[in-house]
Amino acid sequence: MTIKLSVLDQSPISEGTTAEEALRQTVQLARHVEALGYERFWVSEHHDASHLAGSSPEVLIAYLAAKTERIRLGSGGVMLTHYSPYKVAENFRLLEGLAPGRVDAGVGRAPGGMPIASWALNNGQPRKKDLFPELIDELVGYVKGDVESGPYPGLKASPVVQTVPEVWVLGSSLSSAKLAAEKGLPYAFAQFINGDGGSEHMAAYLKHFQPSPLLNQPKNLTAVFTICAKTDEEAEYLASSLDYSLIMGAQGMQLNGTPSPEKASAYEYNKYERPYIKENRKRMVVGSPATVREQFKRISEQYETEEIMAVTIVYDFEKKLQSFEWLREAVQ
């Protein structure tokens, strides 16, 4: 099976650098992987985060569209339960008008930040998490121009453009997989969030998929933390930064950016933290091109997908660029 490669970039900030630098690197990375032949490039939504600069994917996508020519651009994702589906539809129809045939509207149920951010985004009201299926229906109606159904019959989402963005459901659970299948939409499983049960969830999506006006057969991908280097040893060294970050984040420790591998390697993990590193490795692919090739082949078979989306967080941006070069070599 031929594997298509894509990227989810969260605009991570390395310790000692700035958000502005992280955003410039996201733009540079998009151009870099486009030149390497990657399929799509998604950006994320995180709020009140000192270590990630990506808070508004729609704005960043517009800028990336002006800096790239071919690669598909999208959100990984818009946290739909905070927002009006009508406004999200207008944002993405506008993006589609700027970059026809290149825009993905990936939407998720997660909050994208701590509770205080959710309250602020919803003006002090509870987040509409239980309404996610209805919000998707409304969004899809506006995106495809079905103005006769929905809560506001006859209302059009502007601009009226010739093509429509792809609407993807993002998730890391069985419920999100079944929801995407029920709605007849593409599904992206976040293995980098949940390292357990992904293949079973994807199988449920494929089994229960119902064709829709936007999609007549299943379309899927999986996203996984990926670090590829010349050797397994170098990749493991680079991955120590992510190991450290995930453990600190899980304990509620404030992160001021991705730490250097020197700092991460010097940290003495206690007996409770070491098993957590092993558990987190279910969410990661780390190694040389030969090692990554075998793991990506296995993921492709397990998830029954032709597309894998790499989420790469390392301290040194040049090593990050090289990781995507090695990854391209791995699957060629």
C-alpha atoms as a PDB file:
ATOM      1  CA  MET A   1       0.000   0.000   0.000  1.00  0.00           C
ATOM      2  CA  THR A   2       1.329   3.435  -0.958  1.00  0.00           C
ATOM      3  CA  ILE A   3       1.340   5.790   2.016  1.00  0.00           C
ATOM      4  CA  LYS A   4       0.470   9.448   1.605  1.00  0.00           C
ATOM      5  CA  LEU A   5       2.189  11.749   4.075  1.00  0.00           C
ATOM      6  CA  SER A   6       0.618  14.774   5.734  1.00  0.00           C
ATOM      7  CA  VAL A   7       1.504  17.127   8.594  1.00  0.00           C
ATOM      8  CA  LEU A   8      -0.240  18.509  11.658  1.00  0.00           C
ATOM      9  CA  ASP A   9       1.764  21.416  13.050  1.00  0.00           C
ATOM     10  CA  GLN A  10       0.858  22.945  16.410  1.00  0.00           C
ATOM     11  CA  SER A  11       3.396  25.787  16.101  1.00  0.00           C
ATOM     12  CA  PRO A  12       5.368  24.548  19.129  1.00  0.00           C
ATOM     13  CA  ILE A  13       7.584  27.067  20.884  1.00  0.00           C
ATOM     14  CA  SER A  14      11.049  25.899  21.912  1.00  0.00           C
ATOM     15  CA  GLU A  15      12.411  27.083  25.251  1.00  0.00           C
ATOM     16  CA  GLY A  16      14.230  30.385  24.844  1.00  0.00           C
ATOM     17  CA  THR A  17      12.362  31.344  21.652  1.00  0.00           C
ATOM     18  CA  THR A  18       9.165  33.275  20.940  1.00  0.00           C
ATOM     19  CA  ALA A  19       5.678  32.661  19.581  1.00  0.00           C
ATOM     20  CA  GLU A  20       6.535  34.861  16.612  1.00  0.00           C
ATOM     21  CA  GLU A  21       9.445  32.597  15.753  1.00  0.00           C
ATOM     22  CA  ALA A  22       7.264  29.492  16.094  1.00  0.00           C
ATOM     23  CA  LEU A  23       4.720  30.943  13.667  1.00  0.00           C
ATOM     24  CA  ARG A  24       7.441  31.814  11.151  1.00  0.00           C
ATOM     25  CA  GLN A  25       8.670  28.247  11.433  1.00  0.00           C
ATOM     26  CA  THR A  26       5.180  26.918  10.708  1.00  0.00           C
ATOM     27  CA  VAL A  27       5.136  28.889   7.463  1.00  0.00           C
ATOM     28  CA  GLN A  28       8.619  27.674   6.562  1.00  0.00           C
ATOM     29  CA  LEU A  29       7.639  24.093   7.362  1.00  0.00           C
ATOM     30  CA  ALA A  30       4.539  24.273   5.153  1.00  0.00           C
ATOM     31  CA  ARG A  31       6.634  25.403   2.205  1.00  0.00           C
ATOM     32  CA  HIS A  32       9.251  22.761   2.984  1.00  0.00           C
ATOM     33  CA  VAL A  33       6.870  19.790   3.069  1.00  0.00           C
ATOM     34  CA  GLU A  34       5.006  21.077   0.015  1.00  0.00           C
ATOM     35  CA  ALA A  35       8.287  20.899  -1.896  1.00  0.00           C
ATOM     36  CA  LEU A  36       8.770  17.353  -0.578  1.00  0.00           C
ATOM     37  CA  GLY A  37       5.383  16.292  -1.968  1.00  0.00           C
ATOM     38  CA  TYR A  38       3.333  15.987   1.216  1.00  0.00           C
ATOM     39  CA  GLU A  39      -0.451  15.717   0.811  1.00  0.00           C
ATOM     40  CA  ARG A  40      -1.857  18.189   3.345  1.00  0.00           C
ATOM     41  CA  PHE A  41      -0.785  20.559   6.125  1.00  0.00           C
ATOM     42  CA  TRP A  42      -3.079  21.176   9.093  1.00  0.00           C
ATOM     43  CA  VAL A  43      -2.688  23.635  11.947  1.00  0.00           C
ATOM     44  CA  SER A  44      -4.182  23.428  15.423  1.00  0.00           C
ATOM     45  CA  GLU A  45      -6.243  25.355  17.945  1.00  0.00           C
ATOM     46  CA  HIS A  46      -4.902  25.638  21.488  1.00  0.00           C
ATOM     47  CA  HIS A  47      -5.865  28.318  23.998  1.00  0.00           C
ATOM     48  CA  ASP A  48      -3.985  29.870  26.919  1.00  0.00           C
ATOM     49  CA  ALA A  49      -0.899  27.814  26.028  1.00  0.00           C
ATOM     50  CA  SER A  50       2.599  29.121  26.663  1.00  0.00           C
ATOM     51  CA  HIS A  51       4.274  26.322  24.669  1.00  0.00           C
ATOM     52  CA  LEU A  52       2.089  26.315  21.535  1.00  0.00           C
ATOM     53  CA  ALA A  53       1.464  29.348  19.322  1.00  0.00           C
ATOM     54  CA  GLY A  54      -1.376  27.961  17.195  1.00  0.00           C
ATOM     55  CA  SER A  55      -4.603  29.435  18.580  1.00  0.00           C
ATOM     56  CA  SER A  56      -6.552  30.459  15.459  1.00  0.00           C
ATOM     57  CA  PRO A  57      -6.261  27.966  12.599  1.00  0.00           C
ATOM     58  CA  GLU A  58      -8.511  29.910  10.222  1.00  0.00           C
ATOM     59  CA  VAL A  59      -6.247  32.967  10.367  1.00  0.00           C
ATOM     60  CA  LEU A  60      -3.093  30.907   9.976  1.00  0.00           C
ATOM     61  CA  ILE A  61      -4.550  28.919   7.058  1.00  0.00           C
ATOM     62  CA  ALA A  62      -5.242  32.157   5.181  1.00  0.00           C
ATOM     63  CA  TYR A  63      -1.622  33.231   5.573  1.00  0.00           C
ATOM     64  CA  LEU A  64      -0.341  29.801   4.584  1.00  0.00           C
ATOM     65  CA  ALA A  65      -2.530  29.839   1.477  1.00  0.00           C
ATOM     66  CA  ALA A  66      -0.695  32.945   0.304  1.00  0.00           C
ATOM     67  CA  LYS A  67       2.690  31.311   0.933  1.00  0.00           C
ATOM     68  CA  THR A  68       2.038  27.928  -0.715  1.00  0.00           C
ATOM     69  CA  GLU A  69       0.727  26.732  -4.075  1.00  0.00           C
ATOM     70  CA  ARG A  70      -0.390  23.104  -4.047  1.00  0.00           C
ATOM     71  CA  ILE A  71      -0.564  21.476  -0.633  1.00  0.00           C
ATOM     72  CA  ARG A  72      -3.978  21.107   0.999  1.00  0.00           C
ATOM     73  CA  LEU A  73      -4.416  23.285   4.085  1.00  0.00           C
ATOM     74  CA  GLY A  74      -6.707  22.694   7.001  1.00  0.00           C
ATOM     75  CA  SER A  75      -7.575  22.856  10.663  1.00  0.00           C
ATOM     76  CA  GLY A  76      -6.610  20.123  13.038  1.00  0.00           C
ATOM     77  CA  GLY A  77      -8.943  21.353  14.218  1.00  0.00           C
ATOM     78  CA  VAL A  78     -11.543  24.005  14.893  1.00  0.00           C
ATOM     79  CA  MET A  79     -13.127  23.280  18.282  1.00  0.00           C
ATOM     80  CA  LEU A  80     -16.678  23.556  17.018  1.00  0.00           C
ATOM     81  CA  THR A  81     -18.430  23.426  20.392  1.00  0.00           C
ATOM     82  CA  HIS A  82     -17.184  26.955  21.124  1.00  0.00           C
ATOM     83  CA  TYR A  83     -18.500  28.561  17.971  1.00  0.00           C
ATOM     84  CA  SER A  84     -21.366  29.345  15.647  1.00  0.00           C
ATOM     85  CA  PRO A  85     -21.396  26.806  12.778  1.00  0.00           C
ATOM     86  CA  TYR A  86     -22.534  29.624  10.523  1.00  0.00           C
ATOM     87  CA  LYS A  87     -19.423  31.690  11.228  1.00  0.00           C
ATOM     88  CA  VAL A  88     -17.147  28.643  10.876  1.00  0.00           C
ATOM     89  CA  ALA A  89     -18.779  27.882   7.512  1.00  0.00           C
ATOM     90  CA  GLU A  90     -18.225  31.433   6.303  1.00  0.00           C
ATOM     91  CA  ASN A  91     -14.595  31.333   7.414  1.00  0.00           C
ATOM     92  CA  PHE A  92     -13.930  28.150   5.458  1.00  0.00           C
ATOM     93  CA  ARG A  93     -15.953  29.114   2.390  1.00  0.00           C
ATOM     94  CA  LEU A  94     -13.856  32.279   2.281  1.00  0.00           C
ATOM     95  CA  LEU A  95     -10.666  30.231   2.596  1.00  0.00           C
ATOM     96  CA  GLU A  96     -11.911  27.944  -0.186  1.00  0.00           C
ATOM     97  CA  GLY A  97     -12.453  31.011  -2.355  1.00  0.00           C
ATOM     98  CA  LEU A  98      -8.862  32.081  -1.730  1.00  0.00           C
ATOM     99  CA  ALA A  99      -7.407  28.601  -2.322  1.00  0.00           C
ATOM    100  CA  PRO A 100      -9.939  26.585  -4.385  1.00  0.00           C
ATOM    101  CA  GLY A 101      -9.726  22.842  -3.938  1.00  0.00           C
ATOM    102  CA  ARG A 102      -7.140  23.078  -1.162  1.00  0.00           C
ATOM    103  CA  VAL A 103      -9.062  23.611   2.084  1.00  0.00           C
ATOM    104  CA  ASP A 104     -10.019  21.132   4.830  1.00  0.00           C
ATOM    105  CA  ALA A 105     -12.343  22.122   7.669  1.00  0.00           C
ATOM    106  CA  GLY A 106     -11.372  19.704  10.420  1.00  0.00           C
ATOM    107  CA  VAL A 107     -13.630  20.014  13.455  1.00  0.00           C
ATOM    108  CA  GLY A 108     -13.435  18.483  16.903  1.00  0.00           C
ATOM    109  CA  ARG A 109     -15.347  18.259  20.163  1.00  0.00           C
ATOM    110  CA  ALA A 110     -12.401  18.887  22.537  1.00  0.00           C
ATOM    111  CA  PRO A 111     -12.078  22.214  24.380  1.00  0.00           C
ATOM    112  CA  GLY A 112      -8.553  23.029  23.177  1.00  0.00           C
ATOM    113  CA  GLY A 113      -7.546  24.403  26.563  1.00  0.00           C
ATOM    114  CA  MET A 114      -8.295  24.519  30.262  1.00  0.00           C
ATOM    115  CA  PRO A 115     -11.835  25.204  31.580  1.00  0.00           C
ATOM    116  CA  ILE A 116     -11.166  28.910  32.115  1.00  0.00           C
ATOM    117  CA  ALA A 117     -10.464  29.309  28.388  1.00  0.00           C
ATOM    118  CA  SER A 118     -13.676  27.469  27.533  1.00  0.00           C
ATOM    119  CA  TRP A 119     -15.686  29.783  29.748  1.00  0.00           C
ATOM    120  CA  ALA A 120     -14.052  32.816  28.148  1.00  0.00           C
ATOM    121  CA  LEU A 121     -14.695  31.528  24.608  1.00  0.00           C
ATOM    122  CA  ASN A 122     -18.351  30.951  25.472  1.00  0.00           C
ATOM    123  CA  ASN A 123     -18.873  34.268  27.295  1.00  0.00           C
ATOM    124  CA  GLY A 124     -19.298  32.533  30.623  1.00  0.00           C
ATOM    125  CA  GLN A 125     -21.795  29.962  29.325  1.00  0.00           C
ATOM    126  CA  PRO A 126     -21.310  26.180  29.328  1.00  0.00           C
ATOM    127  CA  ARG A 127     -19.581  24.746  26.261  1.00  0.00           C
ATOM    128  CA  LYS A 128     -21.976  23.093  23.785  1.00  0.00           C
ATOM    129  CA  LYS A 129     -20.153  19.738  23.885  1.00  0.00           C
ATOM    130  CA  ASP A 130     -23.356  17.644  23.958  1.00  0.00           C
ATOM    131  CA  LEU A 131     -24.601  19.399  20.821  1.00  0.00           C
ATOM    132  CA  PHE A 132     -21.598  18.408  18.691  1.00  0.00           C
ATOM    133  CA  PRO A 133     -23.604  16.148  16.304  1.00  0.00           C
ATOM    134  CA  GLU A 134     -26.171  18.907  15.696  1.00  0.00           C
ATOM    135  CA  LEU A 135     -23.432  21.507  15.236  1.00  0.00           C
ATOM    136  CA  ILE A 136     -21.841  19.308  12.553  1.00  0.00           C
ATOM    137  CA  ASP A 137     -25.163  18.989  10.737  1.00  0.00           C
ATOM    138  CA  GLU A 138     -25.569  22.749  10.763  1.00  0.00           C
ATOM    139  CA  LEU A 139     -21.992  23.330   9.597  1.00  0.00           C
ATOM    140  CA  VAL A 140     -22.324  20.829   6.738  1.00  0.00           C
ATOM    141  CA  GLY A 141     -25.580  22.437   5.639  1.00  0.00           C
ATOM    142  CA  TYR A 142     -23.968  25.857   5.358  1.00  0.00           C
ATOM    143  CA  VAL A 143     -20.829  24.495   3.709  1.00  0.00           C
ATOM    144  CA  LYS A 144     -22.660  22.643   0.951  1.00  0.00           C
ATOM    145  CA  GLY A 145     -25.271  25.373   0.487  1.00  0.00           C
ATOM    146  CA  ASP A 146     -28.308  23.472   1.795  1.00  0.00           C
ATOM    147  CA  VAL A 147     -30.196  26.596   2.830  1.00  0.00           C
ATOM    148  CA  GLU A 148     -33.637  24.997   3.167  1.00  0.00           C
ATOM    149  CA  SER A 149     -32.826  22.894   6.236  1.00  0.00           C
ATOM    150  CA  GLY A 150     -31.279  23.768   9.562  1.00  0.00           C
ATOM    151  CA  PRO A 151     -32.360  26.270  12.210  1.00  0.00           C
ATOM    152  CA  TYR A 152     -32.321  29.266   9.832  1.00  0.00           C
ATOM    153  CA  PRO A 153     -33.932  28.196   6.536  1.00  0.00           C
ATOM    154  CA  GLY A 154     -32.835  30.258   3.553  1.00  0.00           C
ATOM    155  CA  LEU A 155     -29.682  31.574   5.208  1.00  0.00           C
ATOM    156  CA  LYS A 156     -26.611  31.371   2.953  1.00  0.00           C
ATOM    157  CA  ALA A 157     -23.007  31.240   4.142  1.00  0.00           C
ATOM    158  CA  SER A 158     -20.998  33.779   2.178  1.00  0.00           C
ATOM    159  CA  PRO A 159     -19.142  33.897  -0.076  1.00  0.00           C
ATOM    160  CA  VAL A 160     -20.935  31.736  -2.628  1.00  0.00           C
ATOM    161  CA  VAL A 161     -17.959  29.930  -4.191  1.00  0.00           C
ATOM    162  CA  GLN A 162     -17.703  27.264  -6.895  1.00  0.00           C
ATOM    163  CA  THR A 163     -16.100  24.590  -4.709  1.00  0.00           C
ATOM    164  CA  VAL A 164     -16.560  23.644  -1.067  1.00  0.00           C
ATOM    165  CA  PRO A 165     -14.016  22.728   1.607  1.00  0.00           C
ATOM    166  CA  GLU A 166     -13.805  19.159   2.873  1.00  0.00           C
ATOM    167  CA  VAL A 167     -15.346  18.785   6.335  1.00  0.00           C
ATOM    168  CA  TRP A 168     -13.430  16.280   8.491  1.00  0.00           C
ATOM    169  CA  VAL A 169     -14.446  14.904  11.884  1.00  0.00           C
ATOM    170  CA  LEU A 170     -11.464  14.697  14.233  1.00  0.00           C
ATOM    171  CA  GLY A 171     -11.408  12.425  17.235  1.00  0.00           C
ATOM    172  CA  SER A 172      -9.679   9.897  19.462  1.00  0.00           C
ATOM    173  CA  SER A 173     -12.607   7.756  20.589  1.00  0.00           C
ATOM    174  CA  LEU A 174     -15.162   5.218  19.393  1.00  0.00           C
ATOM    175  CA  SER A 175     -17.953   7.787  19.647  1.00  0.00           C
ATOM    176  CA  SER A 176     -16.193  10.208  17.276  1.00  0.00           C
ATOM    177  CA  ALA A 177     -15.527   7.392  14.802  1.00  0.00           C
ATOM    178  CA  LYS A 178     -19.175   6.341  14.770  1.00  0.00           C
ATOM    179  CA  LEU A 179     -20.292   9.956  14.494  1.00  0.00           C
ATOM    180  CA  ALA A 180     -18.120  10.519  11.402  1.00  0.00           C
ATOM    181  CA  ALA A 181     -19.533   7.318   9.892  1.00  0.00           C
ATOM    182  CA  GLU A 182     -23.119   8.336  10.630  1.00  0.00           C
ATOM    183  CA  LYS A 183     -22.620  11.773   9.089  1.00  0.00           C
ATOM    184  CA  GLY A 184     -20.826  10.376   6.031  1.00  0.00           C
ATOM    185  CA  LEU A 185     -17.722  12.509   6.572  1.00  0.00           C
ATOM    186  CA  PRO A 186     -13.958  11.869   6.458  1.00  0.00           C
ATOM    187  CA  TYR A 187     -12.466  10.812   9.782  1.00  0.00           C
ATOM    188  CA  ALA A 188      -9.058  11.605  11.290  1.00  0.00           C
ATOM    189  CA  PHE A 189      -8.053   9.548  14.325  1.00  0.00           C
ATOM    190  CA  ALA A 190      -5.619  11.228  16.726  1.00  0.00           C
ATOM    191  CA  GLN A 191      -3.262   8.455  17.795  1.00  0.00           C
ATOM    192  CA  PHE A 192      -0.948  11.176  19.136  1.00  0.00           C
ATOM    193  CA  ILE A 193      -3.665  11.834  21.740  1.00  0.00           C
ATOM    194  CA  ASN A 194      -4.872   8.283  22.374  1.00  0.00           C
ATOM    195  CA  GLY A 195      -2.504   5.391  21.822  1.00  0.00           C
ATOM    196  CA  ASP A 196      -5.058   2.678  22.614  1.00  0.00           C
ATOM    197  CA  GLY A 197      -7.878   1.215  20.566  1.00  0.00           C
ATOM    198  CA  GLY A 198      -7.383   3.299  17.465  1.00  0.00           C
ATOM    199  CA  SER A 199      -7.530   0.464  14.966  1.00  0.00           C
ATOM    200  CA  GLU A 200     -10.794  -0.799  16.485  1.00  0.00           C
ATOM    201  CA  HIS A 201     -12.290   2.693  16.362  1.00  0.00           C
ATOM    202  CA  MET A 202     -11.271   3.087  12.732  1.00  0.00           C
ATOM    203  CA  ALA A 203     -12.725  -0.312  11.901  1.00  0.00           C
ATOM    204  CA  ALA A 204     -16.026   0.871  13.365  1.00  0.00           C
ATOM    205  CA  TYR A 205     -15.900   3.963  11.159  1.00  0.00           C
ATOM    206  CA  LEU A 206     -15.283   1.902   8.040  1.00  0.00           C
ATOM    207  CA  LYS A 207     -17.970  -0.636   8.952  1.00  0.00           C
ATOM    208  CA  HIS A 208     -20.709   1.867   9.769  1.00  0.00           C
ATOM    209  CA  PHE A 209     -19.965   4.541   7.142  1.00  0.00           C
ATOM    210  CA  GLN A 210     -23.085   5.920   5.458  1.00  0.00           C
ATOM    211  CA  PRO A 211     -22.631   7.786   2.135  1.00  0.00           C
ATOM    212  CA  SER A 212     -23.564  11.464   2.188  1.00  0.00           C
ATOM    213  CA  PRO A 213     -23.847  14.315  -0.328  1.00  0.00           C
ATOM    214  CA  LEU A 214     -20.262  15.261   0.568  1.00  0.00           C
ATOM    215  CA  LEU A 215     -18.687  11.784   0.479  1.00  0.00           C
ATOM    216  CA  ASN A 216     -19.786   8.527  -1.154  1.00  0.00           C
ATOM    217  CA  GLN A 217     -17.159   6.238   0.395  1.00  0.00           C
ATOM    218  CA  PRO A 218     -15.035   6.287   3.566  1.00  0.00           C
ATOM    219  CA  LYS A 219     -12.004   8.552   3.721  1.00  0.00           C
ATOM    220  CA  ASN A 220      -9.658   8.351   6.676  1.00  0.00           C
ATOM    221  CA  LEU A 221      -6.258   9.126   8.123  1.00  0.00           C
ATOM    222  CA  THR A 222      -4.456   8.761  11.419  1.00  0.00           C
ATOM    223  CA  ALA A 223      -2.175  11.321  13.086  1.00  0.00           C
ATOM    224  CA  VAL A 224       0.794  10.210  15.189  1.00  0.00           C
ATOM    225  CA  PHE A 225       3.755  11.844  16.895  1.00  0.00           C
ATOM    226  CA  THR A 226       6.681  11.159  14.562  1.00  0.00           C
ATOM    227  CA  ILE A 227      10.399  11.804  14.915  1.00  0.00           C
ATOM    228  CA  CYS A 228      12.679  10.479  12.200  1.00  0.00           C
ATOM    229  CA  ALA A 229      16.466  10.885  12.077  1.00  0.00           C
ATOM    230  CA  LYS A 230      19.445   9.284  10.385  1.00  0.00           C
ATOM    231  CA  THR A 231      19.800   6.694  13.141  1.00  0.00           C
ATOM    232  CA  ASP A 232      17.558   5.216  15.824  1.00  0.00           C
ATOM    233  CA  GLU A 233      19.902   6.630  18.463  1.00  0.00           C
ATOM    234  CA  GLU A 234      19.622  10.192  17.184  1.00  0.00           C
ATOM    235  CA  ALA A 235      15.850   9.928  16.893  1.00  0.00           C
ATOM    236  CA  GLU A 236      15.595   8.679  20.479  1.00  0.00           C
ATOM    237  CA  TYR A 237      17.760  11.573  21.653  1.00  0.00           C
ATOM    238  CA  LEU A 238      15.545  14.097  19.865  1.00  0.00           C
ATOM    239  CA  ALA A 239      12.405  12.392  21.215  1.00  0.00           C
ATOM    240  CA  SER A 240      13.561  12.859  24.805  1.00  0.00           C
ATOM    241  CA  SER A 241      12.270  16.444  24.598  1.00  0.00           C
ATOM    242  CA  LEU A 242       8.771  15.187  23.818  1.00  0.00           C
ATOM    243  CA  ASP A 243       8.959  12.470  26.474  1.00  0.00           C
ATOM    244  CA  TYR A 244       9.776  15.117  29.059  1.00  0.00           C
ATOM    245  CA  SER A 245       7.108  17.561  27.828  1.00  0.00           C
ATOM    246  CA  LEU A 246       4.325  14.974  27.902  1.00  0.00           C
ATOM    247  CA  ILE A 247       5.176  13.896  31.438  1.00  0.00           C
ATOM    248  CA  MET A 248       5.387  17.436  32.747  1.00  0.00           C
ATOM    249  CA  GLY A 249       2.119  18.333  31.047  1.00  0.00           C
ATOM    250  CA  ALA A 250       0.357  15.305  32.511  1.00  0.00           C
ATOM    251  CA  GLN A 251       1.397  16.441  35.995  1.00  0.00           C
ATOM    252  CA  GLY A 252       0.093  19.949  35.417  1.00  0.00           C
ATOM    253  CA  MET A 253       3.563  21.482  35.321  1.00  0.00           C
ATOM    254  CA  GLN A 254       3.877  24.757  33.471  1.00  0.00           C
ATOM    255  CA  LEU A 255       5.827  24.415  30.233  1.00  0.00           C
ATOM    256  CA  ASN A 256       7.698  27.409  28.835  1.00  0.00           C
ATOM    257  CA  GLY A 257       8.343  25.633  25.573  1.00  0.00           C
ATOM    258  CA  THR A 258       9.838  22.422  24.253  1.00  0.00           C
ATOM    259  CA  PRO A 259      13.000  21.696  26.288  1.00  0.00           C
ATOM    260  CA  SER A 260      16.316  20.856  24.694  1.00  0.00           C
ATOM    261  CA  PRO A 261      17.235  17.164  24.517  1.00  0.00           C
ATOM    262  CA  GLU A 262      20.202  17.973  26.746  1.00  0.00           C
ATOM    263  CA  LYS A 263      17.849  19.203  29.474  1.00  0.00           C
ATOM    264  CA  ALA A 264      15.390  16.357  28.953  1.00  0.00           C
ATOM    265  CA  SER A 265      18.099  13.678  28.968  1.00  0.00           C
ATOM    266  CA  ALA A 266      19.531  15.023  32.218  1.00  0.00           C
ATOM    267  CA  TYR A 267      16.191  14.744  34.035  1.00  0.00           C
ATOM    268  CA  GLU A 268      16.032  11.839  36.482  1.00  0.00           C
ATOM    269  CA  TYR A 269      12.660  10.135  36.070  1.00  0.00           C
ATOM    270  CA  ASN A 270      11.205   8.525  39.170  1.00  0.00           C
ATOM    271  CA  LYS A 271       9.672   5.041  39.332  1.00  0.00           C
ATOM    272  CA  TYR A 272       6.200   6.408  38.577  1.00  0.00           C
ATOM    273  CA  GLU A 273       7.260   8.463  35.587  1.00  0.00           C
ATOM    274  CA  ARG A 274       9.232   5.796  33.719  1.00  0.00           C
ATOM    275  CA  PRO A 275       6.195   3.582  32.988  1.00  0.00           C
ATOM    276  CA  TYR A 276       4.431   6.691  31.709  1.00  0.00           C
ATOM    277  CA  ILE A 277       7.156   7.185  29.081  1.00  0.00           C
ATOM    278  CA  LYS A 278       6.567   3.641  27.871  1.00  0.00           C
ATOM    279  CA  GLU A 279       2.818   4.214  27.759  1.00  0.00           C
ATOM    280  CA  ASN A 280       3.256   7.444  25.790  1.00  0.00           C
ATOM    281  CA  ARG A 281       5.346   5.648  23.180  1.00  0.00           C
ATOM    282  CA  LYS A 282       2.092   4.074  21.952  1.00  0.00           C
ATOM    283  CA  ARG A 283       1.379   7.552  20.614  1.00  0.00           C
ATOM    284  CA  MET A 284       4.744   7.970  18.921  1.00  0.00           C
ATOM    285  CA  VAL A 285       6.824   6.645  16.038  1.00  0.00           C
ATOM    286  CA  VAL A 286      10.540   7.254  16.667  1.00  0.00           C
ATOM    287  CA  GLY A 287      13.506   6.007  14.693  1.00  0.00           C
ATOM    288  CA  SER A 288      15.590   5.875  11.549  1.00  0.00           C
ATOM    289  CA  PRO A 289      13.929   5.751   8.102  1.00  0.00           C
ATOM    290  CA  ALA A 290      14.056   1.936   8.180  1.00  0.00           C
ATOM    291  CA  THR A 291      12.438   1.792  11.629  1.00  0.00           C
ATOM    292  CA  VAL A 292       9.794   4.380  10.748  1.00  0.00           C
ATOM    293  CA  ARG A 293       9.035   2.643   7.465  1.00  0.00           C
ATOM    294  CA  GLU A 294       8.089  -0.559   9.251  1.00  0.00           C
ATOM    295  CA  GLN A 295       6.018   1.216  11.884  1.00  0.00           C
ATOM    296  CA  PHE A 296       4.170   3.341   9.308  1.00  0.00           C
ATOM    297  CA  LYS A 297       3.452   0.237   7.252  1.00  0.00           C
ATOM    298  CA  ARG A 298       1.981  -1.415  10.338  1.00  0.00           C
ATOM    299  CA  ILE A 299      -0.116   1.653  11.187  1.00  0.00           C
ATOM    300  CA  SER A 300      -1.386   1.850   7.616  1.00  0.00           C
ATOM    301  CA  GLU A 301      -2.482  -1.787   7.762  1.00  0.00           C
ATOM    302  CA  GLN A 302      -3.997  -1.541  11.246  1.00  0.00           C
ATOM    303  CA  TYR A 303      -6.011   1.580  10.423  1.00  0.00           C
ATOM    304  CA  GLU A 304      -6.803   0.537   6.846  1.00  0.00           C
ATOM    305  CA  THR A 305      -5.668   3.951   5.646  1.00  0.00           C
ATOM    306  CA  GLU A 306      -3.411   5.229   2.893  1.00  0.00           C
ATOM    307  CA  GLU A 307      -2.634   8.472   4.729  1.00  0.00           C
ATOM    308  CA  ILE A 308      -0.647   9.122   7.886  1.00  0.00           C
ATOM    309  CA  MET A 309      -0.306  12.603   9.387  1.00  0.00           C
ATOM    310  CA  ALA A 310       2.930  13.298  11.270  1.00  0.00           C
ATOM    311  CA  VAL A 311       2.996  15.522  14.365  1.00  0.00           C
ATOM    312  CA  THR A 312       6.637  16.391  14.967  1.00  0.00           C
ATOM    313  CA  ILE A 313       7.838  18.287  18.041  1.00  0.00           C
ATOM    314  CA  VAL A 314      11.574  18.643  18.551  1.00  0.00           C
ATOM    315  CA  TYR A 315      13.646  21.399  20.091  1.00  0.00           C
ATOM    316  CA  ASP A 316      15.852  22.212  17.073  1.00  0.00           C
ATOM    317  CA  PHE A 317      13.878  23.453  14.057  1.00  0.00           C
ATOM    318  CA  GLU A 318      16.539  22.321  11.598  1.00  0.00           C
ATOM    319  CA  LYS A 319      16.209  18.806  13.018  1.00  0.00           C
ATOM    320  CA  LYS A 320      12.464  19.105  12.514  1.00  0.00           C
ATOM    321  CA  LEU A 321      12.920  19.958   8.841  1.00  0.00           C
ATOM    322  CA  GLN A 322      15.317  17.048   8.498  1.00  0.00           C
ATOM    323  CA  SER A 323      12.841  14.719  10.211  1.00  0.00           C
ATOM    324  CA  PHE A 324      10.312  15.352   7.449  1.00  0.00           C
ATOM    325  CA  GLU A 325      13.019  14.796   4.835  1.00  0.00           C
ATOM    326  CA  TRP A 326      13.956  11.441   6.401  1.00  0.00           C
ATOM    327  CA  LEU A 327      10.270  10.561   6.684  1.00  0.00           C
ATOM    328  CA  ARG A 328       9.731  11.242   3.000  1.00  0.00           C
ATOM    329  CA  GLU A 329      12.661   8.947   2.240  1.00  0.00           C
ATOM    330  CA  ALA A 330      11.255   6.287   4.546  1.00  0.00           C
ATOM    331  CA  VAL A 331       8.003   5.796   2.639  1.00  0.00           C
ATOM    332  CA  GLN A 332       9.236   6.305  -0.925  1.00  0.00           C
END
